Amino acid sequence: MGKRLIRIPAKDIPSKISTVVSKEINVIMHDQTTLFGSLVSADDQKLLLKDTRLDLHPIDFKNIREIIYDYTASF
């Protein structure tokens, strides 16, 4: 099985965030820092990310450059 990286640019996050709830994601911020974890929840202005230490991080959409996650391809 192959994997694909799916990128969600900042402008598409509000409409597509529901497709990645409970998946592992990389959140790239405008200052180029990256956060990795599982998406716990999201509303219309922010998301809640749980990292590998089980700490919760609320992140405003306005601070996010893009979200990247793995998609397992069928080939």
C-alpha atoms as a PDB file:
ATOM      1  CA  MET A   1       0.000   0.000   0.000  1.00  0.00           C
ATOM      2  CA  GLY A   2       1.185   3.459  -0.839  1.00  0.00           C
ATOM      3  CA  LYS A   3       0.715   6.670   1.063  1.00  0.00           C
ATOM      4  CA  ARG A   4      -0.137  10.116  -0.165  1.00  0.00           C
ATOM      5  CA  LEU A   5       0.371  13.394   1.639  1.00  0.00           C
ATOM      6  CA  ILE A   6      -2.764  15.497   1.568  1.00  0.00           C
ATOM      7  CA  ARG A   7      -2.333  19.244   2.069  1.00  0.00           C
ATOM      8  CA  ILE A   8      -5.088  21.534   3.253  1.00  0.00           C
ATOM      9  CA  PRO A   9      -4.147  25.193   2.679  1.00  0.00           C
ATOM     10  CA  ALA A  10      -5.273  27.831   5.175  1.00  0.00           C
ATOM     11  CA  LYS A  11      -8.133  29.090   3.006  1.00  0.00           C
ATOM     12  CA  ASP A  12      -9.704  25.589   2.864  1.00  0.00           C
ATOM     13  CA  ILE A  13      -9.318  24.628   6.530  1.00  0.00           C
ATOM     14  CA  PRO A  14     -12.777  25.741   7.756  1.00  0.00           C
ATOM     15  CA  SER A  15     -14.573  23.720   5.076  1.00  0.00           C
ATOM     16  CA  LYS A  16     -12.363  20.593   5.166  1.00  0.00           C
ATOM     17  CA  ILE A  17     -11.366  20.278   8.829  1.00  0.00           C
ATOM     18  CA  SER A  18     -14.186  17.835   9.595  1.00  0.00           C
ATOM     19  CA  THR A  19     -12.587  15.261   7.251  1.00  0.00           C
ATOM     20  CA  VAL A  20      -9.509  14.892   9.485  1.00  0.00           C
ATOM     21  CA  VAL A  21     -11.042  14.704  12.983  1.00  0.00           C
ATOM     22  CA  SER A  22      -9.318  11.905  14.968  1.00  0.00           C
ATOM     23  CA  LYS A  23      -6.556  11.543  12.359  1.00  0.00           C
ATOM     24  CA  GLU A  24      -2.880  12.257  12.934  1.00  0.00           C
ATOM     25  CA  ILE A  25      -1.981  15.575  11.314  1.00  0.00           C
ATOM     26  CA  ASN A  26       0.887  18.023  10.966  1.00  0.00           C
ATOM     27  CA  VAL A  27      -0.085  21.645  11.557  1.00  0.00           C
ATOM     28  CA  ILE A  28       2.298  24.118   9.919  1.00  0.00           C
ATOM     29  CA  MET A  29       2.092  27.560  11.451  1.00  0.00           C
ATOM     30  CA  HIS A  30       2.808  30.901   9.742  1.00  0.00           C
ATOM     31  CA  ASP A  31       6.096  31.159  11.678  1.00  0.00           C
ATOM     32  CA  GLN A  32       7.174  27.801  10.111  1.00  0.00           C
ATOM     33  CA  THR A  33       6.854  25.775  13.351  1.00  0.00           C
ATOM     34  CA  THR A  34       5.163  22.405  13.002  1.00  0.00           C
ATOM     35  CA  LEU A  35       2.940  20.635  15.508  1.00  0.00           C
ATOM     36  CA  PHE A  36       2.129  16.931  15.203  1.00  0.00           C
ATOM     37  CA  GLY A  37      -0.734  15.114  16.860  1.00  0.00           C
ATOM     38  CA  SER A  38      -4.282  13.826  16.633  1.00  0.00           C
ATOM     39  CA  LEU A  39      -7.072  16.238  15.867  1.00  0.00           C
ATOM     40  CA  VAL A  40      -9.496  16.029  18.786  1.00  0.00           C
ATOM     41  CA  SER A  41     -12.069  18.590  17.688  1.00  0.00           C
ATOM     42  CA  ALA A  42     -12.601  21.726  15.650  1.00  0.00           C
ATOM     43  CA  ASP A  43     -15.092  24.552  15.446  1.00  0.00           C
ATOM     44  CA  ASP A  44     -15.359  27.461  13.031  1.00  0.00           C
ATOM     45  CA  GLN A  45     -12.352  29.360  14.463  1.00  0.00           C
ATOM     46  CA  LYS A  46      -9.940  26.899  16.094  1.00  0.00           C
ATOM     47  CA  LEU A  47      -8.914  23.292  16.444  1.00  0.00           C
ATOM     48  CA  LEU A  48      -7.810  21.179  19.392  1.00  0.00           C
ATOM     49  CA  LEU A  49      -4.723  19.018  18.826  1.00  0.00           C
ATOM     50  CA  LYS A  50      -3.508  16.250  21.165  1.00  0.00           C
ATOM     51  CA  ASP A  51       0.242  15.680  20.877  1.00  0.00           C
ATOM     52  CA  THR A  52       2.221  12.490  21.579  1.00  0.00           C
ATOM     53  CA  ARG A  53       2.577  13.477  25.254  1.00  0.00           C
ATOM     54  CA  LEU A  54      -1.244  13.714  25.438  1.00  0.00           C
ATOM     55  CA  ASP A  55      -1.094  17.494  25.938  1.00  0.00           C
ATOM     56  CA  LEU A  56      -3.896  19.494  24.328  1.00  0.00           C
ATOM     57  CA  HIS A  57      -3.132  22.489  22.118  1.00  0.00           C
ATOM     58  CA  PRO A  58      -5.870  24.907  21.033  1.00  0.00           C
ATOM     59  CA  ILE A  59      -4.828  26.531  17.740  1.00  0.00           C
ATOM     60  CA  ASP A  60      -6.587  29.414  15.974  1.00  0.00           C
ATOM     61  CA  PHE A  61      -7.099  28.946  12.235  1.00  0.00           C
ATOM     62  CA  LYS A  62      -5.643  32.416  11.610  1.00  0.00           C
ATOM     63  CA  ASN A  63      -2.229  31.148  12.834  1.00  0.00           C
ATOM     64  CA  ILE A  64      -2.175  28.084  10.561  1.00  0.00           C
ATOM     65  CA  ARG A  65      -0.446  28.065   7.169  1.00  0.00           C
ATOM     66  CA  GLU A  66      -1.519  24.533   6.214  1.00  0.00           C
ATOM     67  CA  ILE A  67      -2.432  21.090   7.523  1.00  0.00           C
ATOM     68  CA  ILE A  68      -0.789  17.955   6.148  1.00  0.00           C
ATOM     69  CA  TYR A  69      -1.878  14.377   6.761  1.00  0.00           C
ATOM     70  CA  ASP A  70      -1.182  10.907   5.332  1.00  0.00           C
ATOM     71  CA  TYR A  71      -3.727   9.104   3.211  1.00  0.00           C
ATOM     72  CA  THR A  72      -3.271   5.391   2.539  1.00  0.00           C
ATOM     73  CA  ALA A  73      -3.752   4.779  -1.160  1.00  0.00           C
ATOM     74  CA  SER A  74      -5.354   1.617  -2.490  1.00  0.00           C
ATOM     75  CA  PHE A  75      -2.528   0.629  -4.827  1.00  0.00           C
END
